[in-house]
Protein backbone atom coordinates (compact mmCIF):
# COMPACT_ATOMS: atom_id res chain seq x y z
CA UNK A 1 0.00 0.00 -0.13
CA UNK A 2 1.52 3.37 -1.08
CA UNK A 3 0.40 6.61 -2.39
CA UNK A 4 1.78 10.20 -3.10
CA UNK A 5 0.76 13.11 -1.06
CA UNK A 6 -0.34 14.99 -4.09
CA UNK A 7 -3.23 12.48 -4.79
CA UNK A 8 -4.84 13.24 -1.61
CA UNK A 9 -4.36 17.02 -1.00
CA UNK A 10 -4.79 17.67 -4.81
CA UNK A 11 -1.87 20.00 -5.13
CA UNK A 12 0.67 18.86 -7.85
CA UNK A 13 4.38 18.10 -6.49
CA UNK A 14 3.31 18.87 -3.07
CA UNK A 15 5.60 17.94 -0.17
CA UNK A 16 4.49 16.32 3.13
CA UNK A 17 3.41 12.82 4.12
CA UNK A 18 0.84 12.96 6.89
CA UNK A 19 -2.24 12.43 4.56
CA UNK A 20 -0.45 9.58 2.76
CA UNK A 21 0.37 7.95 6.10
CA UNK A 22 -3.03 8.10 7.40
CA UNK A 23 -4.47 6.83 4.12
CA UNK A 24 -2.21 3.67 4.26
CA UNK A 25 -3.07 2.93 7.84
CA UNK A 26 -6.69 3.26 7.29
CA UNK A 27 -6.72 1.14 4.17
CA UNK A 28 -4.79 -1.74 6.19
CA UNK A 29 -6.64 -1.21 9.34
CA UNK A 30 -3.56 -0.37 11.28
CA UNK A 31 -2.54 2.19 13.61
CA UNK A 32 0.91 3.75 14.20
CA UNK A 33 1.34 1.79 17.27
CA UNK A 34 1.08 -1.37 15.29
CA UNK A 35 4.10 -0.44 13.08
CA UNK A 36 7.38 -2.03 14.20
CA UNK A 37 9.75 0.23 12.33
CA UNK A 38 9.35 3.58 10.54
CA UNK A 39 11.87 4.40 7.91
CA UNK A 40 12.31 7.86 6.26
CA UNK A 41 14.66 9.34 3.77
CA UNK A 42 15.51 12.94 3.11
CA UNK A 43 17.10 15.27 0.54
CA UNK A 44 20.05 17.43 0.59
CA UNK A 45 22.25 17.21 3.66
CA UNK A 46 23.31 13.97 5.10
CA UNK A 47 20.49 11.56 5.91
CA UNK A 48 18.15 13.17 8.44
CA UNK A 49 18.18 11.91 12.03
CA UNK A 50 15.23 10.16 13.56
CA UNK A 51 14.33 13.25 15.39
CA UNK A 52 14.16 15.34 12.24
CA UNK A 53 11.55 13.14 10.76
CA UNK A 54 8.61 14.59 12.75
CA UNK A 55 7.21 11.06 13.57
CA UNK A 56 8.17 11.53 17.10
CA UNK A 57 5.68 14.31 17.40
CA UNK A 58 2.90 11.79 16.57
CA UNK A 59 4.15 9.82 19.87
CA UNK A 60 6.39 7.35 18.00
CA UNK A 61 9.35 6.64 20.18
CA UNK A 62 12.76 7.44 18.49
CA UNK A 63 13.91 3.91 18.78
CA UNK A 64 11.23 2.80 16.34
CA UNK A 65 12.45 5.31 13.77
CA UNK A 66 15.34 5.20 11.37
CA UNK A 67 16.61 6.86 8.31
CA UNK A 68 18.17 5.78 5.15
CA UNK A 69 20.26 7.35 2.60
CA UNK A 70 18.27 8.87 -0.27
CA UNK A 71 20.14 7.04 -3.20
CA UNK A 72 20.25 3.76 -1.24
CA UNK A 73 16.53 3.84 -0.97
CA UNK A 74 16.20 4.30 -4.69
CA UNK A 75 18.50 1.24 -5.05
CA UNK A 76 16.29 -0.88 -2.85
CA UNK A 77 13.32 0.03 -4.98
CA UNK A 78 15.08 -0.83 -8.11
CA UNK A 79 16.61 -4.04 -7.17
CA UNK A 80 14.01 -5.60 -4.74
CA UNK A 81 11.19 -4.99 -7.11
CA UNK A 82 13.26 -6.43 -10.12
CA UNK A 83 13.14 -10.13 -11.44
CA UNK A 84 16.87 -10.50 -11.09
CA UNK A 85 19.06 -12.50 -8.61
CA UNK A 86 21.97 -10.25 -9.24
CA UNK A 87 22.31 -6.78 -10.78
CA UNK A 88 24.17 -3.68 -11.46
CA UNK A 89 22.28 -0.60 -10.09
CA UNK A 90 22.54 2.89 -11.47
CA UNK A 91 20.73 5.70 -9.60
CA UNK A 92 20.60 9.27 -11.37
CA UNK A 93 18.54 12.04 -10.10
CA UNK A 94 18.54 15.68 -9.31
CA UNK A 95 20.16 15.18 -6.14
CA UNK A 96 20.14 12.86 -2.99
CA UNK A 97 21.97 13.28 0.18
CA UNK A 98 25.33 15.16 0.25
CA UNK A 99 26.28 15.81 -3.21
CA UNK A 100 24.96 12.56 -4.84
CA UNK A 101 23.48 12.84 -8.36
CA UNK A 102 24.89 9.39 -9.82
CA UNK A 103 25.52 6.48 -7.65
CA UNK A 104 26.38 2.90 -8.50
CA UNK A 105 25.65 -0.37 -6.71
CA UNK A 106 26.08 -4.12 -7.02
CA UNK A 107 23.21 -6.40 -5.59
CA UNK A 108 22.59 -10.10 -4.92
CA UNK A 109 20.91 -12.26 -2.42
CA UNK A 110 23.33 -10.95 0.32
CA UNK A 111 22.40 -7.37 -0.20
CA UNK A 112 22.97 -4.21 -1.81
CA UNK A 113 26.53 -2.64 -1.82
CA UNK A 114 27.61 0.69 -2.97
CA UNK A 115 30.52 0.73 -5.50
CA UNK A 116 30.73 4.37 -5.93
CA UNK A 117 29.43 7.56 -7.37
CA UNK A 118 30.06 11.09 -8.46
CA UNK A 119 33.10 12.97 -7.03
CA UNK A 120 31.95 14.52 -3.74
CA UNK A 121 33.88 17.61 -4.59
CA UNK A 122 32.13 18.20 -7.87
CA UNK A 123 29.22 20.75 -7.68
CA UNK A 124 25.76 19.33 -8.01
CA UNK A 125 25.31 21.38 -11.31
CA UNK A 126 27.82 18.77 -12.74
CA UNK A 127 25.30 15.98 -12.59
CA UNK A 128 23.02 14.60 -15.33
CA UNK A 129 19.89 15.11 -13.36
CA UNK A 130 20.49 18.78 -12.51
CA UNK A 131 21.61 19.46 -16.07
CA UNK A 132 18.31 18.17 -17.36
CA UNK A 133 16.38 20.03 -14.73
CA UNK A 134 18.17 23.34 -15.53
CA UNK A 135 17.42 23.09 -19.27
CA UNK A 136 13.91 22.31 -18.41
CA UNK A 137 13.64 25.34 -16.27
CA UNK A 138 15.40 27.59 -18.95
CA UNK A 139 12.78 26.35 -21.46
CA UNK A 140 10.06 27.61 -19.21
CA UNK A 141 8.84 24.73 -17.19
CA UNK A 142 9.24 23.41 -13.60
CA UNK A 143 12.26 21.11 -13.06
CA UNK A 144 9.52 18.45 -12.24
CA UNK A 145 8.26 18.57 -15.89
CA UNK A 146 11.35 17.13 -17.67
CA UNK A 147 9.02 14.94 -19.68
CA UNK A 148 7.93 17.93 -21.69
CA UNK A 149 11.60 18.58 -22.66
CA UNK A 150 11.99 14.85 -23.55
CA UNK A 151 9.05 15.20 -25.78
CA UNK A 152 10.08 18.52 -27.32
CA UNK A 153 13.56 17.17 -28.22
CA UNK A 154 12.07 14.95 -31.02
CA UNK A 155 11.25 18.16 -32.95
CA UNK A 156 14.82 19.52 -32.92
CA UNK A 157 18.31 18.96 -34.29
CA UNK A 158 21.00 18.13 -31.73
CA UNK A 159 23.72 18.83 -34.10
CA UNK A 160 22.87 22.64 -33.86
CA UNK A 161 25.24 22.92 -30.92
CA UNK A 162 28.67 21.24 -31.29
CA UNK A 163 29.89 21.94 -27.74
CA UNK A 164 30.09 18.73 -25.56
CA UNK A 165 27.62 18.80 -22.60
CA UNK A 166 28.87 16.03 -20.55
CA UNK A 167 32.54 14.73 -19.95
CA UNK A 168 32.92 11.11 -18.52
CA UNK A 169 36.21 10.34 -16.87
CA UNK A 170 36.06 6.71 -15.90
CA UNK A 171 32.56 6.63 -14.19
CA UNK A 172 32.80 10.33 -13.14
CA UNK A 173 30.27 12.57 -14.80
CA UNK A 174 30.95 16.32 -15.25
CA UNK A 175 28.41 18.49 -16.97
CA UNK A 176 29.61 21.61 -18.48
CA UNK A 177 27.12 23.69 -16.42
CA UNK A 178 28.76 25.56 -13.46
CA UNK A 179 25.56 26.35 -11.72
CA UNK A 180 22.10 24.83 -11.34
CA UNK A 181 18.62 26.00 -12.69
CA UNK A 182 18.09 28.37 -15.71
CA UNK A 183 21.00 30.66 -14.73
CA UNK A 184 23.38 27.81 -15.35
CA UNK A 185 22.15 27.26 -18.91
CA UNK A 186 22.38 30.96 -19.66
CA UNK A 187 25.87 31.05 -18.43
CA UNK A 188 26.81 28.05 -20.65
CA UNK A 189 25.23 29.67 -23.62
CA UNK A 190 27.33 32.91 -22.80
CA UNK A 191 30.61 30.99 -22.40
CA UNK A 192 30.29 28.87 -25.48
CA UNK A 193 28.62 31.26 -27.80
CA UNK A 194 25.59 28.99 -28.00
CA UNK A 195 22.20 30.65 -28.85
CA UNK A 196 19.56 28.50 -26.98
CA UNK A 197 16.97 31.04 -27.83
CA UNK A 198 15.16 33.23 -25.19
CA UNK A 199 14.41 31.86 -21.74
CA UNK A 200 10.75 30.54 -21.18
CA UNK A 201 10.20 29.81 -24.91
CA UNK A 202 8.05 26.69 -24.14
CA UNK A 203 8.48 25.13 -27.49
CA UNK A 204 7.65 28.27 -29.48
CA UNK A 205 11.26 29.05 -30.51
CA UNK A 206 13.29 26.65 -32.84
CA UNK A 207 16.42 27.46 -30.97
CA UNK A 208 14.93 26.30 -27.74
CA UNK A 209 13.47 23.18 -29.52
CA UNK A 210 17.08 22.42 -30.80
CA UNK A 211 18.36 23.02 -27.34
CA UNK A 212 16.12 20.32 -25.96
CA UNK A 213 17.25 17.95 -28.69
CA UNK A 214 20.97 18.86 -27.87
CA UNK A 215 20.38 18.07 -24.29
CA UNK A 216 18.49 14.73 -24.81
CA UNK A 217 21.13 13.49 -27.28
CA UNK A 218 24.17 14.15 -24.94
CA UNK A 219 21.96 12.71 -21.86
CA UNK A 220 21.48 9.47 -23.84
CA UNK A 221 25.18 9.45 -24.92
CA UNK A 222 26.49 9.84 -21.30
CA UNK A 223 24.00 7.46 -19.76
CA UNK A 224 24.88 4.63 -22.17
CA UNK A 225 28.50 5.20 -21.85
CA UNK A 226 28.21 5.09 -17.99
CA UNK A 227 26.09 2.02 -18.04
CA UNK A 228 28.59 0.17 -20.25
CA UNK A 229 31.49 1.08 -17.94
CA UNK A 230 29.62 0.01 -14.86
CA UNK A 231 28.64 -3.28 -16.35
CA UNK A 232 32.21 -3.86 -17.36
CA UNK A 233 33.16 -3.24 -13.73
CA UNK A 234 30.51 -5.56 -12.21
CA UNK A 235 30.48 -8.24 -14.81
CA UNK A 236 26.61 -8.21 -14.43
CA UNK A 237 24.52 -7.38 -17.52
CA UNK A 238 21.23 -7.11 -15.58
CA UNK A 239 20.74 -3.39 -15.05
CA UNK A 240 18.42 -1.76 -12.50
CA UNK A 241 17.74 2.00 -12.76
CA UNK A 242 16.15 4.35 -10.38
CA UNK A 243 15.96 8.22 -9.74
CA UNK A 244 14.13 10.76 -11.75
CA UNK A 245 16.35 10.38 -14.86
CA UNK A 246 15.29 6.80 -15.17
CA UNK A 247 11.84 8.19 -16.30
CA UNK A 248 13.53 9.26 -19.58
CA UNK A 249 11.93 6.41 -21.68
CA UNK A 250 13.84 7.51 -24.78
CA UNK A 251 17.13 6.98 -23.06
CA UNK A 252 15.92 3.77 -21.40
CA UNK A 253 15.20 2.21 -24.91
CA UNK A 254 18.83 2.97 -25.99
CA UNK A 255 20.11 1.39 -22.79
CA UNK A 256 18.09 -1.85 -23.32
CA UNK A 257 19.62 -2.24 -26.69
CA UNK A 258 23.24 -2.02 -25.56
CA UNK A 259 24.95 -5.32 -26.07
CA UNK A 260 26.30 -5.44 -22.45
CA UNK A 261 22.74 -5.19 -21.11
CA UNK A 262 21.17 -8.60 -20.65
CA UNK A 263 18.08 -7.33 -18.78
CA UNK A 264 16.72 -3.87 -17.77
CA UNK A 265 14.39 -3.10 -14.90
CA UNK A 266 13.05 0.31 -13.94
CA UNK A 267 10.38 0.61 -11.22
CA UNK A 268 7.42 2.75 -12.31
CA UNK A 269 7.86 5.10 -9.25
CA UNK A 270 11.50 5.47 -10.11
CA UNK A 271 11.52 9.16 -9.08
CA UNK A 272 11.08 10.10 -5.44
CA UNK A 273 7.55 8.76 -5.40
CA UNK A 274 9.54 5.39 -5.01
CA UNK A 275 11.18 6.42 -1.95
CA UNK A 276 8.44 5.26 0.18
CA UNK A 277 8.80 1.67 -1.35
CA UNK A 278 12.67 1.80 -0.92
CA UNK A 279 12.43 2.85 2.64
CA UNK A 280 9.97 0.11 3.48
CA UNK A 281 12.03 -2.56 1.63
CA UNK A 282 15.11 -1.27 3.51
CA UNK A 283 13.27 -1.44 6.79
CA UNK A 284 12.14 -4.97 6.07
CA UNK A 285 15.69 -6.05 5.38
CA UNK A 286 16.85 -4.50 8.58
CA UNK A 287 14.06 -6.26 10.62
CA UNK A 288 14.35 -9.73 9.21
CA UNK A 289 17.90 -9.88 8.03
CA UNK A 290 16.85 -11.13 4.63
CA UNK A 291 16.75 -8.99 1.44
CA UNK A 292 13.11 -8.76 0.34
CA UNK A 293 12.37 -9.81 -3.11
CA UNK A 294 9.02 -8.76 -4.68
CA UNK A 295 9.27 -8.83 -8.39
CA UNK A 296 6.67 -6.28 -9.69
CA UNK A 297 4.13 -6.96 -12.09
CA UNK A 298 1.70 -4.10 -11.60
CA UNK A 299 1.85 -0.58 -10.25
CA UNK A 300 -1.51 -0.58 -8.48
CA UNK A 301 -0.37 0.35 -4.90
CA UNK A 302 -3.41 2.38 -4.00
CA UNK A 303 -6.51 1.01 -2.13
CA UNK A 304 -9.45 -0.24 -3.98
CA UNK A 305 -12.98 1.37 -3.74
CA UNK A 306 -16.01 -0.79 -3.72
CA UNK A 307 -19.55 -0.22 -5.02
CA UNK A 308 -20.55 1.58 -1.88
CA UNK A 309 -17.76 4.14 -2.30
CA UNK A 310 -18.55 4.57 -5.90
CA UNK A 311 -22.37 5.02 -5.35
CA UNK A 312 -21.68 7.50 -2.68
CA UNK A 313 -20.02 9.84 -5.14
CA UNK A 314 -22.59 8.97 -8.00
CA UNK A 315 -25.45 9.95 -5.57
CA UNK A 316 -23.55 13.18 -4.54
CA UNK A 317 -23.46 12.09 -0.88
CA UNK A 318 -21.36 14.49 1.20
CA UNK A 319 -19.59 11.60 2.66
CA UNK A 320 -17.86 10.83 -0.64
CA UNK A 321 -15.86 13.93 -0.46
CA UNK A 322 -17.14 15.11 -3.76
CA UNK A 323 -16.22 18.75 -4.76
CA UNK A 324 -17.87 19.57 -8.04
CA UNK A 325 -16.00 22.17 -9.77
CA UNK A 326 -18.57 22.06 -12.69
CA UNK A 327 -22.01 20.58 -12.12
CA UNK A 328 -22.78 18.68 -15.38
CA UNK A 329 -25.95 16.57 -15.63
CA UNK A 330 -25.19 12.80 -15.99
CA UNK A 331 -26.78 9.48 -15.99
CA UNK A 332 -25.28 6.31 -14.44
CA UNK A 333 -26.13 2.55 -14.28
CA UNK A 334 -24.44 -0.66 -13.56
CA UNK A 335 -22.95 -2.42 -16.67
CA UNK A 336 -22.70 -6.21 -17.10
CA UNK A 337 -19.52 -6.10 -19.03
CA UNK A 338 -17.91 -2.73 -18.56
CA UNK A 339 -14.79 -3.54 -20.53
CA UNK A 340 -16.90 -4.51 -23.55
CA UNK A 341 -18.95 -1.44 -23.25
CA UNK A 342 -15.79 0.73 -22.98
CA UNK A 343 -14.27 -0.80 -26.00
CA UNK A 344 -17.40 -0.07 -28.10
CA UNK A 345 -17.50 3.52 -26.83
CA UNK A 346 -13.71 4.03 -27.99
CA UNK A 347 -14.52 2.40 -31.28
CA UNK A 348 -17.43 4.89 -31.72
CA UNK A 349 -14.91 7.83 -31.13
CA UNK A 350 -15.82 8.62 -27.62
CA UNK A 351 -13.40 9.88 -24.97
CA UNK A 352 -13.62 8.01 -21.68
CA UNK A 353 -12.41 8.08 -18.06
CA UNK A 354 -11.28 4.69 -16.78
CA UNK A 355 -11.18 4.16 -13.15
CA UNK A 356 -10.47 0.54 -11.91
CA UNK A 357 -8.88 -0.98 -8.86
CA UNK A 358 -6.15 0.72 -6.84
CA UNK A 359 -4.32 3.76 -8.20
CA UNK A 360 -0.81 3.62 -9.76
CA UNK A 361 2.10 5.01 -7.56
CA UNK A 362 4.15 6.13 -10.51
CA UNK A 363 3.56 9.24 -12.60
CA UNK A 364 2.01 7.22 -15.48
CA UNK A 365 -1.51 5.91 -15.64
CA UNK A 366 -1.29 2.25 -16.44
CA UNK A 367 -4.91 1.20 -16.79
CA UNK A 368 -6.20 1.98 -13.38
CA UNK A 369 -6.68 5.88 -13.50
CA UNK A 370 -6.58 6.50 -17.29
CA UNK A 371 -8.33 8.64 -19.88
CA UNK A 372 -8.66 6.37 -23.10
CA UNK A 373 -9.38 7.15 -26.71
CA UNK A 374 -9.23 5.72 -30.23
CA UNK A 375 -5.64 5.69 -31.62
CA UNK A 376 -6.65 5.16 -35.16
CA UNK A 377 -6.92 8.77 -35.97
CA UNK A 378 -5.41 12.19 -34.51
CA UNK A 379 -8.93 13.50 -33.82
CA UNK A 380 -9.00 11.73 -30.39
CA UNK A 381 -5.41 12.98 -29.60
CA UNK A 382 -6.15 16.48 -30.75
CA UNK A 383 -9.45 16.50 -28.81
CA UNK A 384 -7.53 15.30 -25.64
CA UNK A 385 -4.91 17.98 -25.91
CA UNK A 386 -7.36 20.86 -26.65
CA UNK A 387 -10.44 19.97 -24.76
CA UNK A 388 -9.55 17.90 -21.87
CA UNK A 389 -5.76 17.82 -20.96
CA UNK A 390 -5.20 21.54 -22.06
CA UNK A 391 -1.37 20.61 -22.65
CA UNK A 392 1.17 21.28 -25.25
CA UNK A 393 0.49 19.79 -28.81
CA UNK A 394 3.99 18.55 -29.13
CA UNK A 395 3.55 15.99 -26.32
CA UNK A 396 2.64 12.43 -27.32
CA UNK A 397 0.01 9.94 -25.92
CA UNK A 398 0.89 6.45 -25.10
CA UNK A 399 -0.41 3.35 -26.72
CA UNK A 400 -1.48 0.37 -24.69
CA UNK A 401 -1.30 -3.11 -26.13
CA UNK A 402 -1.57 -6.67 -24.85
CA UNK A 403 1.84 -8.22 -24.03
CA UNK A 404 1.41 -10.99 -26.62
CA UNK A 405 0.99 -8.40 -29.43
CA UNK A 406 3.52 -5.93 -28.34
CA UNK A 407 6.44 -6.87 -30.68
CA UNK A 408 4.25 -7.25 -33.58
CA UNK A 409 3.38 -3.58 -33.45
CA UNK A 410 6.53 -2.01 -31.76
CA UNK A 411 10.23 -2.81 -32.08
CA UNK A 412 10.38 -4.44 -28.78
CA UNK A 413 12.10 -7.77 -29.81
CA UNK A 414 10.02 -9.68 -27.19
CA UNK A 415 10.91 -7.13 -24.41
CA UNK A 416 8.03 -6.44 -22.01
CA UNK A 417 7.10 -2.77 -21.25
CA UNK A 418 4.57 -2.85 -18.53
CA UNK A 419 5.23 0.36 -16.94
CA UNK A 420 5.53 2.76 -20.05
CA UNK A 421 9.13 3.30 -19.50
CA UNK A 422 10.48 2.63 -22.97
CA UNK A 423 9.90 4.48 -26.37
CA UNK A 424 10.59 1.88 -29.13
CA UNK A 425 9.95 2.63 -32.96
CA UNK A 426 6.52 1.69 -34.06
CA UNK A 427 6.65 -1.04 -36.68
CA UNK A 428 6.37 0.79 -40.11
CA UNK A 429 3.45 -1.40 -41.36
CA UNK A 430 1.44 -0.45 -38.44
CA UNK A 431 2.36 3.15 -37.82
CA UNK A 432 -0.19 4.51 -40.28
CA UNK A 433 -2.95 2.45 -38.33
CA UNK A 434 -2.41 4.26 -35.05
CA UNK A 435 -1.26 7.88 -35.87
CA UNK A 436 -2.83 9.01 -32.55
CA UNK A 437 0.06 7.53 -30.54
CA UNK A 438 3.06 7.79 -32.95
CA UNK A 439 5.43 10.52 -32.08
CA UNK A 440 7.03 12.84 -34.68
CA UNK A 441 10.28 10.63 -34.63
CA UNK A 442 8.19 7.29 -35.29
CA UNK A 443 8.42 6.03 -31.60
CA UNK A 444 5.89 5.52 -29.03
CA UNK A 445 5.79 5.34 -25.09
CA UNK A 446 4.27 1.83 -25.21
CA UNK A 447 2.65 -0.03 -22.33
CA UNK A 448 2.23 -3.82 -22.82
CA UNK A 449 -0.51 -5.11 -20.71
CA UNK A 450 -0.20 -8.42 -18.83
CA UNK A 451 -3.71 -9.99 -18.83
CA UNK A 452 -3.02 -11.68 -15.43
CA UNK A 453 -1.84 -8.59 -13.79
CA UNK A 454 -4.68 -6.18 -15.23
CA UNK A 455 -7.60 -8.44 -16.28
CA UNK A 456 -10.10 -5.76 -16.88
CA UNK A 457 -7.86 -3.35 -18.82
CA UNK A 458 -6.78 -6.34 -20.90
CA UNK A 459 -10.16 -7.32 -21.65
CA UNK A 460 -10.98 -3.88 -22.81
CA UNK A 461 -8.07 -3.90 -25.34
CA UNK A 462 -8.99 -7.36 -26.38
CA UNK A 463 -12.47 -6.29 -27.16
CA UNK A 464 -11.31 -3.16 -28.95
CA UNK A 465 -9.05 -5.28 -31.24
CA UNK A 466 -11.94 -7.47 -32.00
CA UNK A 467 -14.12 -4.63 -33.00
CA UNK A 468 -11.65 -2.60 -34.97
CA UNK A 469 -8.83 -4.87 -35.88
CA UNK A 470 -6.44 -2.69 -33.96
CA UNK A 471 -5.42 -4.11 -30.66
CA UNK A 472 -4.29 -0.75 -29.29
CA UNK A 473 -5.80 1.91 -27.09
CA UNK A 474 -4.63 5.42 -26.54
CA UNK A 475 -3.91 5.74 -22.74
CA UNK A 476 -3.22 8.86 -20.85
CA UNK A 477 -3.47 9.92 -17.08
CA UNK A 478 -6.91 10.67 -15.66
CA UNK A 479 -6.48 14.42 -14.79
CA UNK A 480 -6.54 18.04 -16.12
CA UNK A 481 -3.70 20.12 -15.01
CA UNK A 482 -4.18 18.34 -11.52
CA UNK A 483 -2.78 15.27 -10.00
CA UNK A 484 -4.12 12.10 -11.17
CA UNK A 485 -7.59 11.36 -9.70
CA UNK A 486 -7.49 8.99 -6.68
CA UNK A 487 -11.03 8.75 -5.37
CA UNK A 488 -14.38 8.06 -6.96
CA UNK A 489 -15.30 11.71 -6.05
CA UNK A 490 -12.19 12.87 -7.84
CA UNK A 491 -12.99 10.93 -10.92
CA UNK A 492 -16.67 12.24 -11.02
CA UNK A 493 -15.51 15.82 -10.43
CA UNK A 494 -12.92 15.62 -13.33
CA UNK A 495 -15.32 14.06 -15.58
CA UNK A 496 -17.91 16.75 -15.15
CA UNK A 497 -15.37 19.35 -15.48
CA UNK A 498 -14.04 18.23 -18.74
CA UNK A 499 -15.39 17.27 -22.12
CA UNK A 500 -15.08 13.59 -21.45
CA UNK A 501 -18.05 11.65 -22.95
CA UNK A 502 -18.23 8.64 -20.48
CA UNK A 503 -16.67 7.49 -17.21
CA UNK A 504 -16.27 3.72 -16.74
CA UNK A 505 -15.90 3.48 -12.84
CA UNK A 506 -15.78 0.09 -11.30
CA UNK A 507 -18.87 -1.57 -12.92
CA UNK A 508 -20.83 1.64 -13.36
CA UNK A 509 -21.22 3.63 -16.78
CA UNK A 510 -21.66 7.23 -16.34
CA UNK A 511 -22.58 9.46 -19.32
CA UNK A 512 -23.22 13.02 -19.81
CA UNK A 513 -26.59 14.30 -20.63
CA UNK A 514 -26.08 16.32 -23.87
């Protein structure tokens, strides 16, 4: 059981943990007094002390609180949830404790051991993650919105700028930036006579678009070179990634193709969303002496909502927590086969909200809190961008396909992509059939769906394929400039406030009265 604080307080990228802790305790019928060990991680300075966590203010004795290094917590998430018995671990993010931005580990049944990391004397600006964040901020977005930069990069020419962005000395990464944030990029431009365009261009200036392509190209280059050197050192080709940089699905697709990489695993909450899992796995290891192994097949870490919870929202009962931003008339009924009904709606060109089971912990909707559309034309994609998601037109939407069909439609070579963390090329003979999910460079951030892990979503895709001959649906997160919906009340509020045609929530079909 795990959830991000933002899903509960409805503020994107919010800090804090109290709502999330209470949510998990209530969902598992536990009290804080029932918890043997509380593990926390921190950011910035050396790992926090137990007294710094705030849990003692809730009456928890300090002896039942421990802390773990930020990057080590990432490493636990990456390895313990992987299918491998031995692995090389690479953690790359905007910053952990001390000056960590890249750290390396080796893992087996005996535990996880740190091999090294970036030079402690190197400024944080020299890291891969801080560099990507700095360019993202220069282009006009929050450092948390690096995915926009990655999407924009496909429209640019990385050869516009010839100055190397990273130097790799052994396994030591050194970015050419001398300071973090947008000012570091402006300084780099001045020192190298590189014209990245004006700050805050947000994809409206070709120079900024080319800067995004330059950044992405050099990020992929340094990551692949670093991974090859680490694997040569450990002799283990199974590679586990974690940290915010591990959400870069374009770079990940290059990594999985390296001859030295025999297997690649990235947990869906690879960024700091996954810290809770890493802390818990570390704590279990400490309590039992055995390294926990929990190979992950699904990212559904949230609580489930039963018919009673759903009907409270549909009946507008105050106990549901419903806050209606827009009051739009709707009808609702129980459906005998909600997956088949949803598939037909999609085939008819409808845009639907899909709310099933427990929510995903990672940033990408994987068939539990999704908005779905027909990928066979660009109309659904454009409608989602303009009428529902209100986001930049250069950002692609993801295809979801049954696992058995994945390599027929995408250049996966039998590789699974259950967490939407790879961006393979769409097979040329099929690209013209699904233009709504093919990016400008011919790739797609694909999700392969395991019918055992997510039966209802798989059934929807299967039904859609039977109706249309195309076993692919367009999948994006269920939100509109807000955190992904968590509760039935959240789903109903967003459904009413957007141009969605229908909402499939549990076994219930909700439709607008037009």
